[in-house]
N, C-alpha and C. Protein backbone atom coordinates (compact mmCIF):
# COMPACT_ATOMS: atom_id res chain seq x y z
N MET A 1 0.85 -1.16 0.00
CA MET A 1 0.00 0.00 0.00
C MET A 1 0.90 1.24 0.00
N ALA A 2 0.94 1.92 -1.16
CA ALA A 2 1.79 3.09 -1.31
C ALA A 2 0.96 4.36 -1.23
N PHE A 3 1.38 5.28 -0.40
CA PHE A 3 0.72 6.58 -0.24
C PHE A 3 -0.75 6.44 0.13
N GLY A 4 -1.10 5.40 0.85
CA GLY A 4 -2.48 5.22 1.29
C GLY A 4 -3.40 4.67 0.22
N LEU A 5 -2.85 4.26 -0.94
CA LEU A 5 -3.67 3.73 -2.03
C LEU A 5 -3.43 2.24 -2.14
N ASP A 6 -4.49 1.48 -2.18
CA ASP A 6 -4.39 0.04 -2.34
C ASP A 6 -4.90 -0.29 -3.74
N PHE A 7 -3.98 -0.61 -4.67
CA PHE A 7 -4.36 -0.86 -6.04
C PHE A 7 -4.94 -2.26 -6.24
N ASN A 8 -4.79 -3.14 -5.28
CA ASN A 8 -5.36 -4.47 -5.38
C ASN A 8 -6.84 -4.48 -5.01
N LYS A 9 -7.28 -3.47 -4.27
CA LYS A 9 -8.67 -3.37 -3.87
C LYS A 9 -9.49 -2.86 -5.05
N PRO A 10 -10.64 -3.49 -5.34
CA PRO A 10 -11.46 -2.99 -6.45
C PRO A 10 -11.98 -1.59 -6.16
N ALA A 11 -12.15 -0.82 -7.21
CA ALA A 11 -12.62 0.56 -7.07
C ALA A 11 -14.06 0.56 -6.56
N GLU A 12 -14.37 1.53 -5.72
CA GLU A 12 -15.72 1.64 -5.20
C GLU A 12 -16.64 2.09 -6.31
N LYS A 13 -17.79 1.43 -6.43
CA LYS A 13 -18.73 1.74 -7.49
C LYS A 13 -19.53 3.00 -7.18
N GLU A 14 -19.92 3.17 -5.93
CA GLU A 14 -20.77 4.29 -5.56
C GLU A 14 -19.92 5.53 -5.27
N VAL A 15 -20.21 6.60 -6.00
CA VAL A 15 -19.49 7.85 -5.81
C VAL A 15 -20.44 8.80 -5.10
N PRO A 16 -20.00 9.39 -3.99
CA PRO A 16 -20.91 10.29 -3.26
C PRO A 16 -21.22 11.54 -4.07
N THR A 17 -22.44 12.03 -3.90
CA THR A 17 -22.79 13.28 -4.56
C THR A 17 -22.37 14.44 -3.68
N GLY A 18 -21.95 15.49 -4.30
CA GLY A 18 -21.41 16.63 -3.57
C GLY A 18 -22.44 17.71 -3.34
N ILE A 19 -21.94 18.90 -3.13
CA ILE A 19 -22.79 20.05 -2.84
C ILE A 19 -22.68 21.03 -3.99
N ASP A 20 -23.50 22.06 -3.98
CA ASP A 20 -23.48 23.10 -5.01
C ASP A 20 -22.42 24.13 -4.64
N ILE A 21 -21.41 24.29 -5.51
CA ILE A 21 -20.26 25.16 -5.23
C ILE A 21 -20.11 26.19 -6.36
N CYS A 22 -19.81 27.43 -5.97
CA CYS A 22 -19.48 28.48 -6.94
C CYS A 22 -18.01 28.30 -7.34
N ILE A 23 -17.72 28.26 -8.65
CA ILE A 23 -16.34 28.02 -9.08
C ILE A 23 -15.45 29.25 -8.89
N ILE A 24 -16.03 30.41 -8.70
CA ILE A 24 -15.23 31.63 -8.52
C ILE A 24 -14.87 31.83 -7.05
N SER A 25 -15.87 31.77 -6.17
CA SER A 25 -15.62 32.04 -4.75
C SER A 25 -15.32 30.78 -3.95
N GLY A 26 -15.75 29.62 -4.43
CA GLY A 26 -15.55 28.38 -3.70
C GLY A 26 -16.54 28.18 -2.56
N GLU A 27 -17.55 29.05 -2.49
CA GLU A 27 -18.54 28.96 -1.43
C GLU A 27 -19.76 28.20 -1.91
N ARG A 28 -20.57 27.76 -0.96
CA ARG A 28 -21.81 27.08 -1.27
C ARG A 28 -22.80 28.02 -1.93
N VAL A 29 -23.54 27.52 -2.91
CA VAL A 29 -24.54 28.31 -3.60
C VAL A 29 -25.90 27.73 -3.24
N THR A 30 -26.79 28.57 -2.70
CA THR A 30 -28.10 28.09 -2.30
C THR A 30 -29.22 28.75 -3.09
N GLU A 31 -28.97 29.92 -3.65
CA GLU A 31 -30.01 30.63 -4.38
C GLU A 31 -29.87 30.36 -5.87
N LYS A 32 -30.48 31.20 -6.67
CA LYS A 32 -30.39 31.04 -8.12
C LYS A 32 -28.93 31.20 -8.55
N ARG A 33 -28.56 30.44 -9.59
CA ARG A 33 -27.17 30.44 -10.02
C ARG A 33 -27.07 30.01 -11.48
N TYR A 34 -25.89 30.18 -12.07
CA TYR A 34 -25.61 29.77 -13.44
C TYR A 34 -24.91 28.42 -13.40
N LYS A 35 -25.44 27.44 -14.14
CA LYS A 35 -24.86 26.09 -14.15
C LYS A 35 -23.65 26.05 -15.06
N VAL A 36 -22.57 25.41 -14.58
CA VAL A 36 -21.35 25.24 -15.37
C VAL A 36 -21.53 24.04 -16.29
N LYS A 37 -21.14 24.23 -17.54
CA LYS A 37 -21.26 23.18 -18.54
C LYS A 37 -20.30 22.04 -18.20
N ASP A 38 -20.82 20.82 -18.18
CA ASP A 38 -20.00 19.65 -17.87
C ASP A 38 -19.37 19.17 -19.16
N ASP A 39 -18.18 19.68 -19.49
CA ASP A 39 -17.54 19.36 -20.75
C ASP A 39 -16.51 18.25 -20.58
N ALA A 40 -15.74 17.99 -21.62
CA ALA A 40 -14.78 16.88 -21.61
C ALA A 40 -13.68 17.08 -20.56
N ILE A 41 -13.26 18.30 -20.35
CA ILE A 41 -12.18 18.56 -19.39
C ILE A 41 -12.66 18.32 -17.96
N ILE A 42 -13.84 18.83 -17.63
CA ILE A 42 -14.41 18.62 -16.29
C ILE A 42 -14.65 17.13 -16.06
N SER A 43 -15.20 16.44 -17.07
CA SER A 43 -15.47 15.01 -16.95
C SER A 43 -14.18 14.22 -16.74
N SER A 44 -13.13 14.59 -17.46
CA SER A 44 -11.84 13.90 -17.32
C SER A 44 -11.27 14.09 -15.91
N ILE A 45 -11.34 15.31 -15.41
CA ILE A 45 -10.84 15.58 -14.05
C ILE A 45 -11.64 14.78 -13.03
N ARG A 46 -12.97 14.74 -13.20
CA ARG A 46 -13.81 13.96 -12.28
C ARG A 46 -13.46 12.48 -12.32
N ASN A 47 -13.25 11.94 -13.53
CA ASN A 47 -12.93 10.51 -13.67
C ASN A 47 -11.60 10.17 -12.99
N VAL A 48 -10.59 11.01 -13.18
CA VAL A 48 -9.28 10.75 -12.57
C VAL A 48 -9.40 10.82 -11.05
N LYS A 49 -10.10 11.83 -10.54
CA LYS A 49 -10.24 11.97 -9.09
C LYS A 49 -11.04 10.80 -8.51
N ASN A 50 -12.06 10.33 -9.22
CA ASN A 50 -12.85 9.19 -8.73
C ASN A 50 -12.05 7.89 -8.76
N LYS A 51 -11.17 7.73 -9.74
CA LYS A 51 -10.32 6.53 -9.81
C LYS A 51 -9.42 6.43 -8.59
N PHE A 52 -8.94 7.56 -8.11
CA PHE A 52 -8.07 7.57 -6.94
C PHE A 52 -8.83 7.76 -5.64
N GLY A 53 -10.14 7.82 -5.70
CA GLY A 53 -10.95 7.96 -4.49
C GLY A 53 -10.92 9.34 -3.89
N LEU A 54 -10.58 10.35 -4.69
CA LEU A 54 -10.47 11.71 -4.19
C LEU A 54 -11.63 12.60 -4.64
N GLY A 55 -12.55 12.04 -5.43
CA GLY A 55 -13.63 12.84 -6.00
C GLY A 55 -14.68 13.23 -4.98
N THR A 56 -15.12 14.47 -5.05
CA THR A 56 -16.21 14.94 -4.20
C THR A 56 -17.49 15.12 -4.99
N ASN A 57 -17.39 15.16 -6.33
CA ASN A 57 -18.52 15.30 -7.24
C ASN A 57 -19.43 16.47 -6.88
N ASN A 58 -18.83 17.60 -6.59
CA ASN A 58 -19.62 18.80 -6.33
C ASN A 58 -20.27 19.26 -7.63
N ARG A 59 -21.44 19.82 -7.53
CA ARG A 59 -22.12 20.39 -8.68
C ARG A 59 -21.62 21.83 -8.81
N LEU A 60 -21.12 22.17 -10.00
CA LEU A 60 -20.43 23.44 -10.20
C LEU A 60 -21.37 24.49 -10.77
N TYR A 61 -21.33 25.67 -10.16
CA TYR A 61 -22.18 26.79 -10.56
C TYR A 61 -21.38 28.08 -10.47
N VAL A 62 -21.97 29.17 -11.00
CA VAL A 62 -21.45 30.52 -10.82
C VAL A 62 -22.57 31.31 -10.16
N SER A 63 -22.28 31.90 -9.01
CA SER A 63 -23.31 32.68 -8.33
C SER A 63 -23.48 34.02 -9.05
N PRO A 64 -24.67 34.63 -8.96
CA PRO A 64 -24.90 35.92 -9.64
C PRO A 64 -23.95 37.02 -9.17
N GLU A 65 -23.53 36.96 -7.90
CA GLU A 65 -22.61 37.98 -7.38
C GLU A 65 -21.24 37.89 -8.04
N ASN A 66 -20.85 36.69 -8.45
CA ASN A 66 -19.52 36.48 -9.02
C ASN A 66 -19.53 36.37 -10.54
N TYR A 67 -20.68 36.65 -11.16
CA TYR A 67 -20.78 36.45 -12.60
C TYR A 67 -19.88 37.40 -13.39
N GLU A 68 -19.75 38.63 -12.94
CA GLU A 68 -18.87 39.59 -13.63
C GLU A 68 -17.41 39.13 -13.57
N ALA A 69 -16.97 38.65 -12.41
CA ALA A 69 -15.60 38.13 -12.28
C ALA A 69 -15.41 36.90 -13.15
N TYR A 70 -16.46 36.08 -13.25
CA TYR A 70 -16.41 34.88 -14.11
C TYR A 70 -16.23 35.30 -15.56
N LYS A 71 -17.01 36.28 -16.01
CA LYS A 71 -16.91 36.71 -17.40
C LYS A 71 -15.50 37.21 -17.73
N LYS A 72 -14.89 37.95 -16.80
CA LYS A 72 -13.53 38.44 -17.03
C LYS A 72 -12.54 37.28 -17.14
N LYS A 73 -12.64 36.32 -16.21
CA LYS A 73 -11.73 35.17 -16.24
C LYS A 73 -11.92 34.34 -17.50
N ARG A 74 -13.19 34.13 -17.90
CA ARG A 74 -13.47 33.32 -19.08
C ARG A 74 -12.95 34.01 -20.34
N SER A 75 -13.16 35.31 -20.46
CA SER A 75 -12.67 36.01 -21.67
C SER A 75 -11.14 36.02 -21.70
N LYS A 76 -10.50 36.14 -20.54
CA LYS A 76 -9.03 36.09 -20.47
C LYS A 76 -8.53 34.72 -20.92
N PHE A 77 -9.22 33.66 -20.48
CA PHE A 77 -8.85 32.30 -20.88
C PHE A 77 -9.00 32.13 -22.39
N GLU A 78 -10.12 32.57 -22.96
CA GLU A 78 -10.34 32.43 -24.40
C GLU A 78 -9.30 33.20 -25.19
N GLN A 79 -8.94 34.40 -24.73
CA GLN A 79 -7.91 35.19 -25.41
C GLN A 79 -6.57 34.49 -25.36
N LYS A 80 -6.27 33.87 -24.22
CA LYS A 80 -4.99 33.18 -24.07
C LYS A 80 -4.89 31.98 -25.02
N VAL A 81 -6.00 31.24 -25.17
CA VAL A 81 -6.01 30.09 -26.08
C VAL A 81 -5.77 30.55 -27.51
N VAL A 82 -6.45 31.60 -27.93
CA VAL A 82 -6.28 32.11 -29.29
C VAL A 82 -4.87 32.66 -29.49
N LEU A 83 -4.38 33.42 -28.54
CA LEU A 83 -3.05 34.02 -28.67
C LEU A 83 -1.95 32.96 -28.75
N LEU A 84 -1.98 31.99 -27.83
CA LEU A 84 -0.95 30.96 -27.85
C LEU A 84 -1.08 30.05 -29.07
N GLY A 85 -2.31 29.79 -29.51
CA GLY A 85 -2.50 29.00 -30.72
C GLY A 85 -1.95 29.71 -31.95
N ALA A 86 -2.25 31.01 -32.06
CA ALA A 86 -1.73 31.78 -33.20
C ALA A 86 -0.21 31.88 -33.15
N PHE A 87 0.33 32.09 -31.95
CA PHE A 87 1.79 32.15 -31.81
C PHE A 87 2.43 30.83 -32.23
N GLY A 88 1.82 29.72 -31.82
CA GLY A 88 2.35 28.41 -32.19
C GLY A 88 2.32 28.17 -33.69
N VAL A 89 1.24 28.58 -34.34
CA VAL A 89 1.14 28.41 -35.80
C VAL A 89 2.17 29.29 -36.50
N ILE A 90 2.34 30.53 -36.03
CA ILE A 90 3.32 31.43 -36.66
C ILE A 90 4.74 30.87 -36.50
N VAL A 91 5.07 30.38 -35.31
CA VAL A 91 6.40 29.80 -35.09
C VAL A 91 6.58 28.57 -35.98
N SER A 92 5.55 27.74 -36.09
CA SER A 92 5.64 26.54 -36.93
C SER A 92 5.88 26.90 -38.38
N LEU A 93 5.12 27.87 -38.88
CA LEU A 93 5.31 28.30 -40.26
C LEU A 93 6.70 28.91 -40.48
N PHE A 94 7.19 29.67 -39.50
CA PHE A 94 8.52 30.26 -39.60
C PHE A 94 9.59 29.17 -39.66
N VAL A 95 9.48 28.16 -38.80
CA VAL A 95 10.47 27.07 -38.78
C VAL A 95 10.45 26.30 -40.09
N ILE A 96 9.26 25.99 -40.57
CA ILE A 96 9.16 25.23 -41.83
C ILE A 96 9.66 26.09 -43.00
N GLY A 97 9.26 27.37 -43.02
CA GLY A 97 9.69 28.26 -44.11
C GLY A 97 11.19 28.50 -44.09
N ALA A 98 11.76 28.69 -42.91
CA ALA A 98 13.21 28.90 -42.81
C ALA A 98 13.96 27.66 -43.27
N ASN A 99 13.46 26.50 -42.95
CA ASN A 99 14.10 25.25 -43.37
C ASN A 99 14.06 25.12 -44.89
N LEU A 100 12.94 25.48 -45.49
CA LEU A 100 12.85 25.39 -46.95
C LEU A 100 13.75 26.41 -47.64
N LEU A 101 13.84 27.62 -47.08
CA LEU A 101 14.68 28.64 -47.70
C LEU A 101 16.17 28.37 -47.51
N MET A 102 16.56 27.94 -46.32
CA MET A 102 17.98 27.73 -46.04
C MET A 102 18.53 26.45 -46.67
N ARG A 103 17.82 25.37 -46.50
CA ARG A 103 18.32 24.09 -46.98
C ARG A 103 17.74 23.70 -48.33
N GLY A 104 16.52 24.13 -48.58
CA GLY A 104 15.86 23.73 -49.82
C GLY A 104 15.25 22.35 -49.73
N THR A 105 15.14 21.82 -48.49
CA THR A 105 14.56 20.48 -48.32
C THR A 105 13.40 20.55 -47.33
N PHE A 106 12.58 19.55 -47.40
CA PHE A 106 11.44 19.45 -46.50
C PHE A 106 11.77 18.39 -45.45
N ASP A 107 11.88 18.79 -44.19
CA ASP A 107 12.26 17.88 -43.11
C ASP A 107 11.03 17.52 -42.28
N LEU A 108 10.65 16.26 -42.32
CA LEU A 108 9.46 15.80 -41.62
C LEU A 108 9.60 15.92 -40.11
N VAL A 109 10.79 15.73 -39.58
CA VAL A 109 11.02 15.82 -38.14
C VAL A 109 10.78 17.25 -37.65
N GLN A 110 11.23 18.24 -38.40
CA GLN A 110 10.99 19.62 -38.01
C GLN A 110 9.51 19.98 -38.08
N VAL A 111 8.81 19.45 -39.06
CA VAL A 111 7.38 19.71 -39.18
C VAL A 111 6.65 19.11 -37.98
N LEU A 112 6.95 17.88 -37.64
CA LEU A 112 6.30 17.22 -36.50
C LEU A 112 6.65 17.90 -35.18
N SER A 113 7.90 18.34 -35.05
CA SER A 113 8.27 19.01 -33.80
C SER A 113 7.62 20.39 -33.69
N SER A 114 7.43 21.09 -34.80
CA SER A 114 6.76 22.38 -34.74
C SER A 114 5.27 22.20 -34.45
N ILE A 115 4.66 21.14 -34.95
CA ILE A 115 3.27 20.84 -34.61
C ILE A 115 3.16 20.48 -33.14
N ALA A 116 4.11 19.72 -32.63
CA ALA A 116 4.11 19.37 -31.20
C ALA A 116 4.27 20.63 -30.35
N LEU A 117 5.08 21.57 -30.80
CA LEU A 117 5.25 22.84 -30.08
C LEU A 117 3.93 23.61 -30.04
N THR A 118 3.21 23.64 -31.14
CA THR A 118 1.92 24.33 -31.20
C THR A 118 0.92 23.68 -30.25
N VAL A 119 0.86 22.36 -30.25
CA VAL A 119 -0.05 21.65 -29.34
C VAL A 119 0.34 21.93 -27.89
N PHE A 120 1.63 21.96 -27.60
CA PHE A 120 2.08 22.26 -26.24
C PHE A 120 1.68 23.66 -25.81
N LEU A 121 1.82 24.63 -26.70
CA LEU A 121 1.46 26.01 -26.36
C LEU A 121 -0.04 26.15 -26.10
N VAL A 122 -0.87 25.49 -26.90
CA VAL A 122 -2.30 25.54 -26.67
C VAL A 122 -2.64 24.82 -25.36
N ALA A 123 -2.00 23.70 -25.09
CA ALA A 123 -2.24 22.99 -23.83
C ALA A 123 -1.79 23.82 -22.64
N LEU A 124 -0.79 24.63 -22.83
CA LEU A 124 -0.31 25.51 -21.76
C LEU A 124 -1.38 26.52 -21.35
N ALA A 125 -2.21 26.92 -22.29
CA ALA A 125 -3.29 27.86 -21.99
C ALA A 125 -4.33 27.22 -21.08
N PHE A 126 -4.46 25.91 -21.11
CA PHE A 126 -5.46 25.22 -20.31
C PHE A 126 -5.06 25.06 -18.85
N VAL A 127 -3.90 25.59 -18.46
CA VAL A 127 -3.53 25.61 -17.05
C VAL A 127 -4.50 26.49 -16.28
N ASP A 128 -4.94 27.58 -16.89
CA ASP A 128 -5.89 28.51 -16.28
C ASP A 128 -7.29 28.28 -16.81
N TYR A 129 -7.71 27.03 -16.98
CA TYR A 129 -9.00 26.70 -17.59
C TYR A 129 -10.18 27.24 -16.78
N VAL A 130 -11.10 27.89 -17.47
CA VAL A 130 -12.34 28.38 -16.88
C VAL A 130 -13.47 27.80 -17.72
N PRO A 131 -14.30 26.91 -17.16
CA PRO A 131 -15.35 26.26 -17.96
C PRO A 131 -16.46 27.23 -18.34
N ALA A 132 -17.20 26.89 -19.38
CA ALA A 132 -18.32 27.70 -19.85
C ALA A 132 -19.55 27.43 -18.99
N VAL A 133 -20.48 28.37 -19.01
CA VAL A 133 -21.78 28.16 -18.36
C VAL A 133 -22.81 27.88 -19.44
N GLU A 134 -23.89 27.21 -19.07
CA GLU A 134 -24.92 26.85 -20.03
C GLU A 134 -25.93 27.98 -20.19
N ASP A 135 -26.43 28.13 -21.41
CA ASP A 135 -27.47 29.13 -21.64
C ASP A 135 -28.84 28.45 -21.65
N LEU A 136 -29.87 29.15 -22.08
CA LEU A 136 -31.22 28.61 -22.05
C LEU A 136 -31.37 27.34 -22.88
N LYS A 137 -30.62 27.25 -23.97
CA LYS A 137 -30.72 26.08 -24.84
C LYS A 137 -29.75 24.98 -24.43
N GLY A 138 -28.97 25.17 -23.39
CA GLY A 138 -28.03 24.15 -22.93
C GLY A 138 -26.67 24.24 -23.61
N GLY A 139 -26.45 25.26 -24.41
CA GLY A 139 -25.18 25.41 -25.11
C GLY A 139 -24.25 26.33 -24.36
N LYS A 140 -23.23 26.81 -25.07
CA LYS A 140 -22.23 27.68 -24.46
C LYS A 140 -22.76 29.10 -24.41
N ALA A 141 -22.59 29.75 -23.29
CA ALA A 141 -23.00 31.15 -23.14
C ALA A 141 -21.88 32.05 -23.59
N GLN A 142 -22.22 33.23 -24.02
CA GLN A 142 -21.22 34.21 -24.42
C GLN A 142 -20.58 34.80 -23.18
N ALA A 143 -19.26 34.76 -23.08
CA ALA A 143 -18.58 35.27 -21.89
C ALA A 143 -18.59 36.78 -21.82
N GLY A 144 -18.47 37.47 -22.94
CA GLY A 144 -18.39 38.91 -22.91
C GLY A 144 -19.64 39.59 -23.43
N ALA A 145 -20.77 38.88 -23.55
CA ALA A 145 -21.97 39.43 -24.16
C ALA A 145 -22.72 40.37 -23.23
N GLN A 146 -22.50 40.29 -21.95
CA GLN A 146 -23.29 41.04 -21.00
C GLN A 146 -22.38 41.95 -20.17
N THR A 147 -22.82 43.18 -19.92
CA THR A 147 -21.97 44.09 -19.18
C THR A 147 -22.53 44.46 -17.82
N SER A 148 -23.82 44.29 -17.59
CA SER A 148 -24.39 44.65 -16.29
C SER A 148 -24.33 43.48 -15.33
N ALA A 149 -24.47 43.76 -14.05
CA ALA A 149 -24.43 42.71 -13.03
C ALA A 149 -25.71 41.89 -13.03
N GLU A 150 -26.83 42.48 -13.47
CA GLU A 150 -28.09 41.76 -13.52
C GLU A 150 -28.18 41.00 -14.82
N PRO A 151 -28.53 39.72 -14.79
CA PRO A 151 -28.66 38.97 -16.03
C PRO A 151 -29.88 39.43 -16.83
N ALA A 152 -29.66 39.69 -18.11
CA ALA A 152 -30.75 40.13 -18.97
C ALA A 152 -31.48 38.91 -19.53
N PRO A 153 -32.79 38.98 -19.72
CA PRO A 153 -33.52 37.83 -20.24
C PRO A 153 -33.45 37.74 -21.75
N SER A 154 -32.26 37.74 -22.31
CA SER A 154 -32.08 37.60 -23.75
C SER A 154 -31.56 36.22 -24.05
N SER A 155 -31.50 35.89 -25.33
CA SER A 155 -31.03 34.55 -25.71
C SER A 155 -29.53 34.40 -25.48
N ALA A 156 -28.77 35.51 -25.41
CA ALA A 156 -27.33 35.42 -25.19
C ALA A 156 -26.98 35.28 -23.71
N ALA A 157 -27.90 35.62 -22.83
CA ALA A 157 -27.63 35.52 -21.39
C ALA A 157 -27.82 34.08 -20.94
N PRO A 158 -26.95 33.58 -20.07
CA PRO A 158 -27.10 32.22 -19.59
C PRO A 158 -28.29 32.10 -18.64
N ALA A 159 -28.79 30.90 -18.53
CA ALA A 159 -29.96 30.66 -17.70
C ALA A 159 -29.56 30.55 -16.24
N MET A 160 -30.34 31.19 -15.37
CA MET A 160 -30.13 31.03 -13.94
C MET A 160 -30.96 29.84 -13.51
N GLU A 161 -30.44 29.10 -12.60
CA GLU A 161 -31.09 27.87 -12.20
C GLU A 161 -31.40 27.92 -10.72
N ALA A 162 -32.59 27.48 -10.36
CA ALA A 162 -32.97 27.38 -8.95
C ALA A 162 -32.35 26.12 -8.37
N PRO A 163 -32.20 26.03 -7.05
CA PRO A 163 -31.64 24.81 -6.46
C PRO A 163 -32.43 23.58 -6.88
N GLU A 164 -31.70 22.46 -7.01
CA GLU A 164 -32.31 21.22 -7.50
C GLU A 164 -33.31 20.64 -6.51
N LYS A 165 -34.39 20.13 -7.08
CA LYS A 165 -35.39 19.41 -6.31
C LYS A 165 -35.44 18.01 -6.87
N LYS A 166 -35.95 17.07 -6.08
CA LYS A 166 -36.04 15.71 -6.58
C LYS A 166 -37.03 15.66 -7.73
N PRO A 167 -36.63 15.06 -8.87
CA PRO A 167 -37.54 15.02 -10.01
C PRO A 167 -38.68 14.03 -9.77
N ALA A 168 -39.84 14.38 -10.29
CA ALA A 168 -40.99 13.49 -10.18
C ALA A 168 -40.84 12.36 -11.18
N LYS A 169 -41.35 11.20 -10.83
CA LYS A 169 -41.27 10.07 -11.75
C LYS A 169 -42.26 10.29 -12.89
N PRO A 170 -41.82 10.06 -14.14
CA PRO A 170 -42.73 10.27 -15.26
C PRO A 170 -43.81 9.20 -15.29
N ALA A 171 -45.01 9.61 -15.68
CA ALA A 171 -46.12 8.67 -15.78
C ALA A 171 -45.95 7.85 -17.05
N ARG A 172 -46.29 6.57 -16.96
CA ARG A 172 -46.19 5.70 -18.13
C ARG A 172 -47.46 5.81 -18.95
N LYS A 173 -47.27 5.81 -20.25
CA LYS A 173 -48.42 5.87 -21.14
C LYS A 173 -48.94 4.46 -21.35
N ALA A 174 -50.24 4.35 -21.44
CA ALA A 174 -50.85 3.04 -21.69
C ALA A 174 -50.59 2.64 -23.13
N ALA A 175 -50.23 1.39 -23.33
CA ALA A 175 -49.94 0.89 -24.66
C ALA A 175 -51.25 0.69 -25.41
N LYS A 176 -51.27 1.15 -26.64
CA LYS A 176 -52.46 0.99 -27.46
C LYS A 176 -52.41 -0.38 -28.12
N GLY A 177 -53.55 -0.98 -28.28
CA GLY A 177 -53.62 -2.35 -28.80
C GLY A 177 -53.56 -2.43 -30.31
N LYS A 178 -53.31 -1.34 -30.99
CA LYS A 178 -53.27 -1.36 -32.45
C LYS A 178 -51.95 -1.94 -32.93
N LYS A 179 -52.04 -2.79 -33.95
CA LYS A 179 -50.85 -3.35 -34.58
C LYS A 179 -50.79 -2.90 -36.02
N ARG A 180 -49.59 -2.69 -36.50
CA ARG A 180 -49.42 -2.27 -37.89
C ARG A 180 -49.45 -3.50 -38.77
N LYS A 181 -50.01 -3.32 -39.95
CA LYS A 181 -50.00 -4.39 -40.93
C LYS A 181 -48.71 -4.32 -41.70
N ARG A 182 -48.07 -5.44 -41.85
CA ARG A 182 -46.83 -5.48 -42.63
C ARG A 182 -47.14 -5.78 -44.07
N LYS A 183 -46.44 -5.10 -44.94
CA LYS A 183 -46.67 -5.31 -46.38
C LYS A 183 -45.62 -6.17 -46.98
């Protein structure tokens, strides 16, 4: 048993459910809030933490008081991804172009290494990852679309969500006795 982990023990199937947490302040959210989109990055982090038994499975939200700070952080993150991606592409093109001009040959190793550099630079931007919030349709909300502290009821504003209640069981529909004729 290394570092308190027993790899011979089967993983626990039941993962405890967490509490509602604001991703900006880290405090509990009890009133209306903006739901954080559960994307591939959040899911991957949850899976790794659950594999090691460290997962708390908190439900992630942004409180209305912290929404302006969230928008600033999200827009900064998006700018960083674009900037580092563009920088990586420019450096890659420069390396490939310089190789063609100086040597007159096409070197596959330099092309692959410049692509790897670009991927590394974009991955470096994800150190400060800020997830998106869901809008009324369940998609990505615009980070810089709103300037006031009060959420506007437009299609670009993300949906505020009331605290979760237990869902009612759906009623089953009675099966109709009609059968289709096959041709």
